[in-house]
Amino acid sequence: MKIIIAPDSFKESLTAKQVCQAMETGLKRVWPQAEYVHIPLADGGEGTVQSLVDATQGDIIERQVTGPLGQSVDAFYGRLGGKLSHTAVIEMAAASGLHHVPPEKRDPKQTTSYGTGELIAHALQEGATKLIIGLGGSATNDGGMGMLEALGVKFLDSNSHEISGNGIGLTQIESIMTHDINPKLQQCDIVIACDVDNPLCGEHGATATFGKQKGATEEDTVILDNALSHFADLMDSQLGKQVKDIPGAGAAGGLGAAFLGFTNANLKPGIQIVLETLSIDQHLQDADLVITGEGRIDWQSAHGKTPVGIAKAAKKFDLPVIALAGCVGDNYQAVYDHGIDAVFAAIPRPFDLATAFAEADINMANLAENVARTIKLGMKN
C-alpha cells in the first residue's frame, strides 16, 4: 500500500514537513508495512520556500539585504536539491514583507522592494536558471521599482536625474533605462506564484485593495494609484509592454506588473507551480491513498489552497483523498466539490490556542491513526 502524504504547513505550529511526519506516525500504528511518500506542500505564499526545499532536500540561503525602509534585514531564499539544483525559490516577503515594518512606520510612499531584487541578483549570481517567486505579504507599493533598480534598471525624473525606487520615486518617473539590467534575467525562466487577480490600477488595483494595510491614507491612495497608472503607461510607450489591466499585475504592490513588463515571467496559481515543480503526477500514478491537510479548512480552501490543489491532481488517477486539519470553519464542505472525499479535524477537546499549537503534532498523529482505523474497518467489508 502506497500512501502519499501531501499537506500544507499549519501556521505558527508545524511546518509542512513536520505535518507529514506526524501524519505518518499515526498511520503507521495501523499500517506499519505501508510505503509512505512525504510531499510537503505550500500554495505559493508563506512557507513555499521551506516546503520546496524540504521536498527536494535543498538548501536555505541566508542573506542580509535592504529592507522596506532601507534598513538592513535578514532574509533568505531556497535552492532546490537534486535535478532541480538550478532552481531558486524566493518569497518576496522575506526581504520586503510587512513584518519588517513596525505598524507606526508603515507608509507605502517610503517603502521599497529593493531587497527582493538583491535576493534575485544573488540567486542569479549563484547559477540559478529558473526562479520561482511568491508574491504576497508585501510592505511596498512601488510597482516593483525598487526590485528593478537592484537589478540594474535606472529610472529618471524630468531633469534626467536618477530616482530611488520607492513609492515617492514612483510618482517622479519620466523615463526608464534598461541597458544595464542584469543580463542573466533574460536567460532565466521566471515563474511567479500569484493567487490574486487584481489589476495594477483602479478600484480593484494594488493601491485601492491593499494600500490601507500598508499604511496608505486616502490621499496616498490617489497619489500612488495615479503613479502606478503613469508607470504602466511608460512601460507601454517605452518598452512596448501593456500590463495595466492584466489580472495579477497588482499583486504585491505592483510587483506583478514589474515582472510582466521587464522580464519573460509567467504568472500562475501558487499551488499549480509547486505541484508542477515536484512532478506530482509521477508520485500519484501508482499510489493507493492521498492524505493532505492544512491548519484550517473552510470555504476558502476551495479557492486555490493546497488541499484542493493536490486533490484535483489525485483525481486524475481516481485516488481517494482525505484532508486532516487542525480545525474546520464555515462551509468547509465546499471542498467536497473539488476532489476531497472526507475532512477531519484534530482538536480532541476544548482548549486555548497556545495548547493547540503545543499539541499539534500529537493531535495530528492521533487523528491520522483514527482515520486509518476507520478506513481499515471499511476494507474488511
Protein backbone atom coordinates (compact mmCIF):
# COMPACT_ATOMS: atom_id res chain seq x y z
CA MET A 1 0.00 0.00 0.00
CA LYS A 2 1.45 3.34 -1.08
CA ILE A 3 0.24 6.43 0.75
CA ILE A 4 1.04 9.96 -0.39
CA ILE A 5 1.19 12.46 2.48
CA ALA A 6 0.99 15.95 0.99
CA PRO A 7 -0.14 18.68 3.42
CA ASP A 8 0.49 22.39 3.73
CA SER A 9 2.05 23.81 6.89
CA PHE A 10 -0.03 24.52 9.98
CA LYS A 11 0.80 28.18 10.55
CA GLU A 12 2.58 29.02 13.79
CA SER A 13 2.74 25.38 14.89
CA LEU A 14 4.09 22.88 12.32
CA THR A 15 5.96 23.12 9.04
CA ALA A 16 4.58 21.03 6.19
CA LYS A 17 7.45 18.57 6.74
CA GLN A 18 6.53 18.22 10.41
CA VAL A 19 2.88 17.66 9.49
CA CYS A 20 4.00 14.85 7.17
CA GLN A 21 5.95 13.24 9.99
CA ALA A 22 3.05 13.50 12.45
CA MET A 23 0.60 12.02 9.96
CA GLU A 24 2.90 9.09 9.20
CA THR A 25 3.39 8.43 12.92
CA GLY A 26 -0.35 7.89 13.33
CA LEU A 27 -0.89 5.97 10.11
CA LYS A 28 1.96 3.60 10.89
CA ARG A 29 0.23 2.45 14.07
CA VAL A 30 -2.33 0.85 11.77
CA TRP A 31 -0.33 0.19 8.60
CA PRO A 32 3.28 -0.39 9.70
CA GLN A 33 4.27 -2.01 6.39
CA ALA A 34 2.86 0.64 4.07
CA GLU A 35 5.06 2.79 1.83
CA TYR A 36 4.85 6.45 2.83
CA VAL A 37 5.86 9.26 0.47
CA HIS A 38 6.19 12.72 2.03
CA ILE A 39 5.49 15.70 -0.21
CA PRO A 40 5.40 18.84 1.96
CA LEU A 41 3.47 21.49 0.04
CA ALA A 42 2.58 25.17 0.00
CA ASP A 43 0.33 27.32 -2.18
CA GLY A 44 2.88 29.95 -3.19
CA GLY A 45 2.57 32.09 -0.07
CA GLU A 46 4.41 31.95 3.22
CA GLY A 47 6.16 28.61 3.66
CA THR A 48 6.66 27.90 -0.05
CA VAL A 49 10.44 28.16 0.15
CA GLN A 50 10.66 25.83 3.14
CA SER A 51 8.24 23.31 1.66
CA LEU A 52 10.02 23.06 -1.69
CA VAL A 53 13.42 22.91 -0.03
CA ASP A 54 12.20 20.14 2.29
CA ALA A 55 10.56 18.23 -0.57
CA THR A 56 13.72 18.28 -2.72
CA GLN A 57 16.36 18.18 0.04
CA GLY A 58 17.65 21.56 -0.98
CA ASP A 59 19.22 24.41 0.99
CA ILE A 60 18.14 27.66 2.60
CA ILE A 61 20.41 30.56 1.59
CA GLU A 62 20.50 33.36 4.16
CA ARG A 63 21.37 36.90 3.12
CA GLN A 64 21.39 40.40 4.57
CA VAL A 65 19.54 42.70 2.19
CA THR A 66 17.85 46.09 2.10
CA GLY A 67 14.56 46.07 3.98
CA PRO A 68 11.42 48.01 3.05
CA LEU A 69 12.56 51.13 4.94
CA GLY A 70 16.12 50.97 3.63
CA GLN A 71 17.48 49.26 6.71
CA SER A 72 19.45 46.01 6.64
CA VAL A 73 17.30 42.93 7.30
CA ASP A 74 17.94 39.21 7.49
CA ALA A 75 16.29 37.42 4.58
CA PHE A 76 16.55 34.10 2.76
CA TYR A 77 15.69 32.15 -0.35
CA GLY A 78 15.75 28.47 -1.25
CA ARG A 79 17.95 26.50 -3.62
CA LEU A 80 16.25 23.25 -4.57
CA GLY A 81 18.00 19.91 -4.47
CA GLY A 82 18.68 17.07 -6.89
CA LYS A 83 17.72 17.62 -10.51
CA LEU A 84 16.26 21.00 -9.54
CA SER A 85 19.50 22.45 -8.19
CA HIS A 86 19.41 25.33 -10.68
CA THR A 87 16.03 26.46 -9.37
CA ALA A 88 15.81 29.18 -6.72
CA VAL A 89 12.62 29.90 -4.77
CA ILE A 90 12.06 33.37 -3.34
CA GLU A 91 9.24 34.71 -1.18
CA MET A 92 9.27 38.45 -1.77
CA ALA A 93 8.04 38.98 1.79
CA ALA A 94 11.33 37.57 3.10
CA ALA A 95 13.05 40.81 2.08
CA SER A 96 10.18 43.24 1.51
CA GLY A 97 7.43 41.98 3.77
CA LEU A 98 5.11 43.91 6.03
CA HIS A 99 6.56 42.17 9.08
CA HIS A 100 9.76 44.17 8.57
CA VAL A 101 7.92 47.45 9.20
CA PRO A 102 6.53 48.38 12.63
CA PRO A 103 2.87 49.47 12.43
CA GLU A 104 3.69 53.06 13.38
CA LYS A 105 6.19 53.33 10.48
CA ARG A 106 4.05 51.89 7.71
CA ASP A 107 3.95 54.26 4.76
CA PRO A 108 3.93 52.91 1.19
CA LYS A 109 5.32 56.19 -0.09
CA GLN A 110 8.60 55.33 1.64
CA THR A 111 8.89 51.55 1.33
CA THR A 112 10.93 49.79 -1.35
CA SER A 113 11.15 46.33 -2.88
CA TYR A 114 14.91 46.75 -3.41
CA GLY A 115 15.79 43.82 -1.14
CA THR A 116 13.76 41.41 -3.27
CA GLY A 117 15.88 42.46 -6.23
CA GLU A 118 19.01 41.77 -4.19
CA LEU A 119 17.84 38.23 -3.46
CA ILE A 120 17.15 37.67 -7.15
CA ALA A 121 20.55 39.06 -8.12
CA HIS A 122 22.31 36.76 -5.66
CA ALA A 123 20.39 33.70 -6.88
CA LEU A 124 21.35 34.52 -10.48
CA GLN A 125 24.97 35.04 -9.47
CA GLU A 126 24.95 31.61 -7.84
CA GLY A 127 23.84 29.97 -11.07
CA ALA A 128 20.06 29.85 -10.88
CA THR A 129 18.47 29.44 -14.31
CA LYS A 130 14.91 29.20 -13.01
CA LEU A 131 13.25 31.41 -10.42
CA ILE A 132 10.03 30.67 -8.59
CA ILE A 133 8.87 33.83 -6.84
CA GLY A 134 6.00 34.03 -4.39
CA LEU A 135 4.15 37.32 -4.19
CA GLY A 136 2.26 38.31 -1.08
CA GLY A 137 2.71 39.90 2.31
CA SER A 138 4.47 42.94 0.88
CA ALA A 139 5.05 46.24 2.65
CA THR A 140 5.53 48.00 -0.67
CA ASN A 141 3.52 49.83 -3.29
CA ASP A 142 6.38 50.85 -5.57
CA GLY A 143 5.33 48.90 -8.67
CA GLY A 144 8.46 46.78 -8.28
CA MET A 145 10.57 49.85 -8.97
CA GLY A 146 12.96 49.11 -6.09
CA MET A 147 13.42 45.49 -7.16
CA LEU A 148 14.14 46.59 -10.73
CA GLU A 149 16.63 49.20 -9.51
CA ALA A 150 18.55 46.46 -7.67
CA LEU A 151 18.64 44.50 -10.95
CA GLY A 152 20.16 47.37 -12.93
CA VAL A 153 17.19 49.35 -14.27
CA LYS A 154 17.54 53.12 -13.98
CA PHE A 155 14.62 55.50 -13.51
CA LEU A 156 14.98 59.17 -14.37
CA ASP A 157 12.91 62.24 -13.46
CA SER A 158 12.08 65.19 -15.71
CA ASN A 159 15.61 66.57 -15.18
CA SER A 160 17.22 63.22 -16.13
CA HIS A 161 18.26 62.63 -12.52
CA GLU A 162 18.15 59.09 -11.14
CA ILE A 163 15.32 58.33 -8.75
CA SER A 164 15.35 55.91 -5.84
CA GLY A 165 12.90 53.05 -6.09
CA ASN A 166 10.10 53.60 -3.59
CA GLY A 167 6.56 54.93 -3.56
CA ILE A 168 7.64 58.56 -3.80
CA GLY A 169 10.07 57.72 -6.60
CA LEU A 170 7.21 56.10 -8.46
CA THR A 171 5.48 59.48 -8.63
CA GLN A 172 8.52 61.11 -10.31
CA ILE A 173 9.42 58.74 -13.17
CA GLU A 174 9.64 60.25 -16.63
CA SER A 175 11.91 57.77 -18.39
CA ILE A 176 13.25 54.24 -17.99
CA MET A 177 16.73 52.98 -18.92
CA THR A 178 17.14 49.21 -19.19
CA HIS A 179 20.52 48.82 -20.89
CA ASP A 180 22.20 47.87 -17.58
CA ILE A 181 19.59 45.35 -16.47
CA ASN A 182 21.09 42.09 -15.21
CA PRO A 183 21.68 40.08 -18.43
CA LYS A 184 21.05 36.78 -16.66
CA LEU A 185 17.38 37.73 -16.28
CA GLN A 186 16.71 37.25 -19.97
CA GLN A 187 18.10 33.70 -19.94
CA CYS A 188 16.19 32.79 -16.79
CA ASP A 189 12.85 31.00 -16.63
CA ILE A 190 10.78 33.04 -14.16
CA VAL A 191 7.51 31.77 -12.75
CA ILE A 192 5.50 33.98 -10.42
CA ALA A 193 3.22 32.42 -7.81
CA CYS A 194 0.28 34.78 -7.77
CA ASP A 195 -3.12 33.94 -6.33
CA VAL A 196 -4.79 37.33 -6.65
CA ASP A 197 -6.32 38.69 -9.84
CA ASN A 198 -6.11 42.39 -9.08
CA PRO A 199 -5.10 44.64 -11.98
CA LEU A 200 -2.43 47.26 -11.41
CA CYS A 201 -4.70 50.30 -11.05
CA GLY A 202 -8.24 51.40 -10.36
CA GLU A 203 -10.81 50.48 -7.74
CA HIS A 204 -9.62 46.87 -7.62
CA GLY A 205 -5.95 47.68 -8.17
CA ALA A 206 -2.88 47.32 -5.97
CA THR A 207 -3.27 50.55 -4.02
CA ALA A 208 -7.04 50.60 -3.57
CA THR A 209 -7.16 46.98 -2.42
CA PHE A 210 -4.01 46.61 -0.32
CA GLY A 211 -2.70 50.13 0.32
CA LYS A 212 -4.51 50.76 3.58
CA GLN A 213 -2.98 47.76 5.35
CA LYS A 214 0.44 49.10 4.33
CA GLY A 215 -0.26 52.49 5.89
CA ALA A 216 -1.70 54.46 2.97
CA THR A 217 -4.05 57.36 3.72
CA GLU A 218 -6.93 58.26 1.41
CA GLU A 219 -4.73 60.93 -0.14
CA ASP A 220 -1.84 58.47 -0.55
CA THR A 221 -4.13 56.04 -2.31
CA VAL A 222 -4.99 58.54 -5.01
CA ILE A 223 -1.37 59.65 -5.45
CA LEU A 224 0.05 56.13 -5.65
CA ASP A 225 -2.68 54.77 -7.90
CA ASN A 226 -2.06 57.61 -10.35
CA ALA A 227 1.68 56.93 -10.14
CA LEU A 228 1.19 53.23 -10.95
CA SER A 229 -1.01 54.17 -13.88
CA HIS A 230 1.68 56.53 -15.19
CA PHE A 231 4.33 53.84 -14.70
CA ALA A 232 2.23 51.40 -16.73
CA ASP A 233 1.87 53.98 -19.50
CA LEU A 234 5.67 54.35 -19.59
CA MET A 235 6.09 50.57 -19.85
CA ASP A 236 3.71 50.64 -22.78
CA SER A 237 5.31 53.57 -24.60
CA GLN A 238 8.98 52.82 -23.84
CA LEU A 239 9.06 49.02 -23.53
CA GLY A 240 6.08 48.01 -25.62
CA LYS A 241 4.53 46.09 -22.70
CA GLN A 242 0.87 46.57 -21.83
CA VAL A 243 0.45 45.38 -18.26
CA LYS A 244 -2.04 47.72 -16.62
CA ASP A 245 -5.11 45.50 -16.90
CA ILE A 246 -3.55 42.04 -16.67
CA PRO A 247 -5.01 40.04 -13.74
CA GLY A 248 -2.31 39.72 -11.08
CA ALA A 249 -0.38 42.82 -12.18
CA GLY A 250 -1.43 44.49 -8.92
CA ALA A 251 -0.03 41.73 -6.71
CA ALA A 252 2.49 42.77 -4.04
CA GLY A 253 2.10 46.49 -4.63
CA GLY A 254 2.54 46.18 -8.40
CA LEU A 255 5.43 43.72 -8.33
CA GLY A 256 3.43 41.53 -10.68
CA ALA A 257 3.43 44.33 -13.24
CA ALA A 258 7.20 44.79 -12.90
CA PHE A 259 7.85 41.14 -13.72
CA LEU A 260 5.44 41.23 -16.66
CA GLY A 261 6.92 44.43 -18.02
CA PHE A 262 10.63 43.81 -17.61
CA THR A 263 11.12 40.01 -17.73
CA ASN A 264 9.73 36.96 -19.50
CA ALA A 265 7.88 35.88 -16.37
CA ASN A 266 4.63 33.93 -16.32
CA LEU A 267 2.06 34.34 -13.54
CA LYS A 268 0.42 31.14 -12.29
CA PRO A 269 -1.53 29.99 -9.24
CA GLY A 270 0.93 29.08 -6.49
CA ILE A 271 -0.22 25.53 -5.87
CA GLN A 272 -0.02 24.79 -9.61
CA ILE A 273 3.61 25.91 -9.67
CA VAL A 274 4.50 23.82 -6.63
CA LEU A 275 2.84 20.67 -7.96
CA GLU A 276 4.47 21.08 -11.39
CA THR A 277 7.89 21.67 -9.83
CA LEU A 278 7.61 18.49 -7.76
CA SER A 279 6.34 16.43 -10.73
CA ILE A 280 3.40 15.36 -8.61
CA ASP A 281 1.90 13.02 -11.23
CA GLN A 282 4.93 10.74 -11.02
CA HIS A 283 4.24 10.20 -7.33
CA LEU A 284 0.50 9.76 -7.71
CA GLN A 285 0.30 7.34 -10.61
CA ASP A 286 0.88 4.18 -8.53
CA ALA A 287 -0.46 5.39 -5.17
CA ASP A 288 -3.41 3.97 -3.24
CA LEU A 289 -4.37 6.87 -0.95
CA VAL A 290 -3.64 10.59 -0.57
CA ILE A 291 -3.65 12.34 2.80
CA THR A 292 -3.50 16.13 2.73
CA GLY A 293 -4.38 18.97 5.08
CA GLU A 294 -3.82 22.48 6.39
CA GLY A 295 -4.28 24.29 9.66
CA ARG A 296 -7.87 25.31 8.98
CA ILE A 297 -10.17 24.03 6.27
CA ASP A 298 -13.14 26.23 5.39
CA TRP A 299 -14.84 27.66 2.31
CA GLN A 300 -11.66 29.49 1.31
CA SER A 301 -9.83 26.18 0.96
CA ALA A 302 -11.80 25.54 -2.22
CA HIS A 303 -10.15 28.56 -3.88
CA GLY A 304 -6.60 27.60 -4.81
CA LYS A 305 -5.42 26.27 -1.46
CA THR A 306 -3.11 23.27 -1.08
CA PRO A 307 -5.62 20.51 -0.15
CA VAL A 308 -7.80 21.18 -3.18
CA GLY A 309 -4.78 21.53 -5.45
CA ILE A 310 -3.44 18.10 -4.55
CA ALA A 311 -6.96 16.63 -4.62
CA LYS A 312 -7.53 17.75 -8.20
CA ALA A 313 -4.22 16.20 -9.22
CA ALA A 314 -5.08 12.96 -7.42
CA LYS A 315 -8.48 12.66 -9.09
CA LYS A 316 -6.77 12.31 -12.46
CA PHE A 317 -5.75 8.90 -11.10
CA ASP A 318 -9.09 8.27 -9.36
CA LEU A 319 -7.45 8.25 -5.92
CA PRO A 320 -9.28 8.74 -2.62
CA VAL A 321 -8.25 11.97 -0.88
CA ILE A 322 -8.67 12.66 2.83
CA ALA A 323 -7.94 16.05 4.40
CA LEU A 324 -6.82 16.34 8.03
CA ALA A 325 -6.99 19.81 9.55
CA GLY A 326 -6.24 21.48 12.83
CA CYS A 327 -9.85 22.70 12.76
CA VAL A 328 -12.67 23.29 10.31
CA GLY A 329 -14.53 26.52 9.63
CA ASP A 330 -17.60 27.83 7.85
CA ASN A 331 -18.79 25.77 4.90
CA TYR A 332 -15.74 23.52 4.88
CA GLN A 333 -17.95 21.10 2.93
CA ALA A 334 -17.25 23.21 -0.17
CA VAL A 335 -14.06 21.19 -0.69
CA TYR A 336 -16.14 18.08 -1.40
CA ASP A 337 -16.94 19.55 -4.81
CA HIS A 338 -13.22 19.82 -5.59
CA GLY A 339 -11.87 16.31 -5.15
CA ILE A 340 -11.63 15.86 -1.37
CA ASP A 341 -13.62 12.87 -0.13
CA ALA A 342 -13.59 13.48 3.63
CA VAL A 343 -12.42 16.09 6.13
CA PHE A 344 -11.44 15.54 9.77
CA ALA A 345 -10.37 17.98 12.49
CA ALA A 346 -7.62 17.21 15.00
CA ILE A 347 -8.83 19.13 18.06
CA PRO A 348 -9.84 16.45 20.61
CA ARG A 349 -11.26 18.72 23.33
CA PRO A 350 -11.78 22.41 24.14
CA PHE A 351 -8.50 24.25 24.79
CA ASP A 352 -6.80 27.56 24.10
CA LEU A 353 -4.74 28.42 21.02
CA ALA A 354 -1.40 28.02 22.80
CA THR A 355 -2.30 24.47 23.77
CA ALA A 356 -3.46 23.72 20.24
CA PHE A 357 -0.08 24.80 18.88
CA ALA A 358 1.87 22.92 21.55
CA GLU A 359 -0.01 19.66 21.00
CA ALA A 360 -0.37 19.94 17.22
CA ASP A 361 1.92 17.02 16.35
CA ILE A 362 0.41 14.69 18.97
CA ASN A 363 -3.16 15.51 17.99
CA MET A 364 -2.41 15.12 14.28
CA ALA A 365 -0.80 11.72 14.83
CA ASN A 366 -3.80 10.56 16.86
CA LEU A 367 -6.22 11.82 14.22
CA ALA A 368 -4.31 10.05 11.45
CA GLU A 369 -4.43 6.81 13.43
CA ASN A 370 -8.19 7.07 13.94
CA VAL A 371 -8.78 7.80 10.27
CA ALA A 372 -6.66 4.80 9.30
CA ARG A 373 -8.60 2.58 11.70
CA THR A 374 -11.86 3.75 10.13
CA ILE A 375 -10.59 3.02 6.63
CA LYS A 376 -9.37 -0.40 7.73
CA LEU A 377 -12.85 -1.24 9.02
CA GLY A 378 -14.29 -0.44 5.61
CA MET A 379 -11.66 -2.59 3.90
CA LYS A 380 -12.99 -5.66 5.77
CA ASN A 381 -16.36 -5.39 4.06
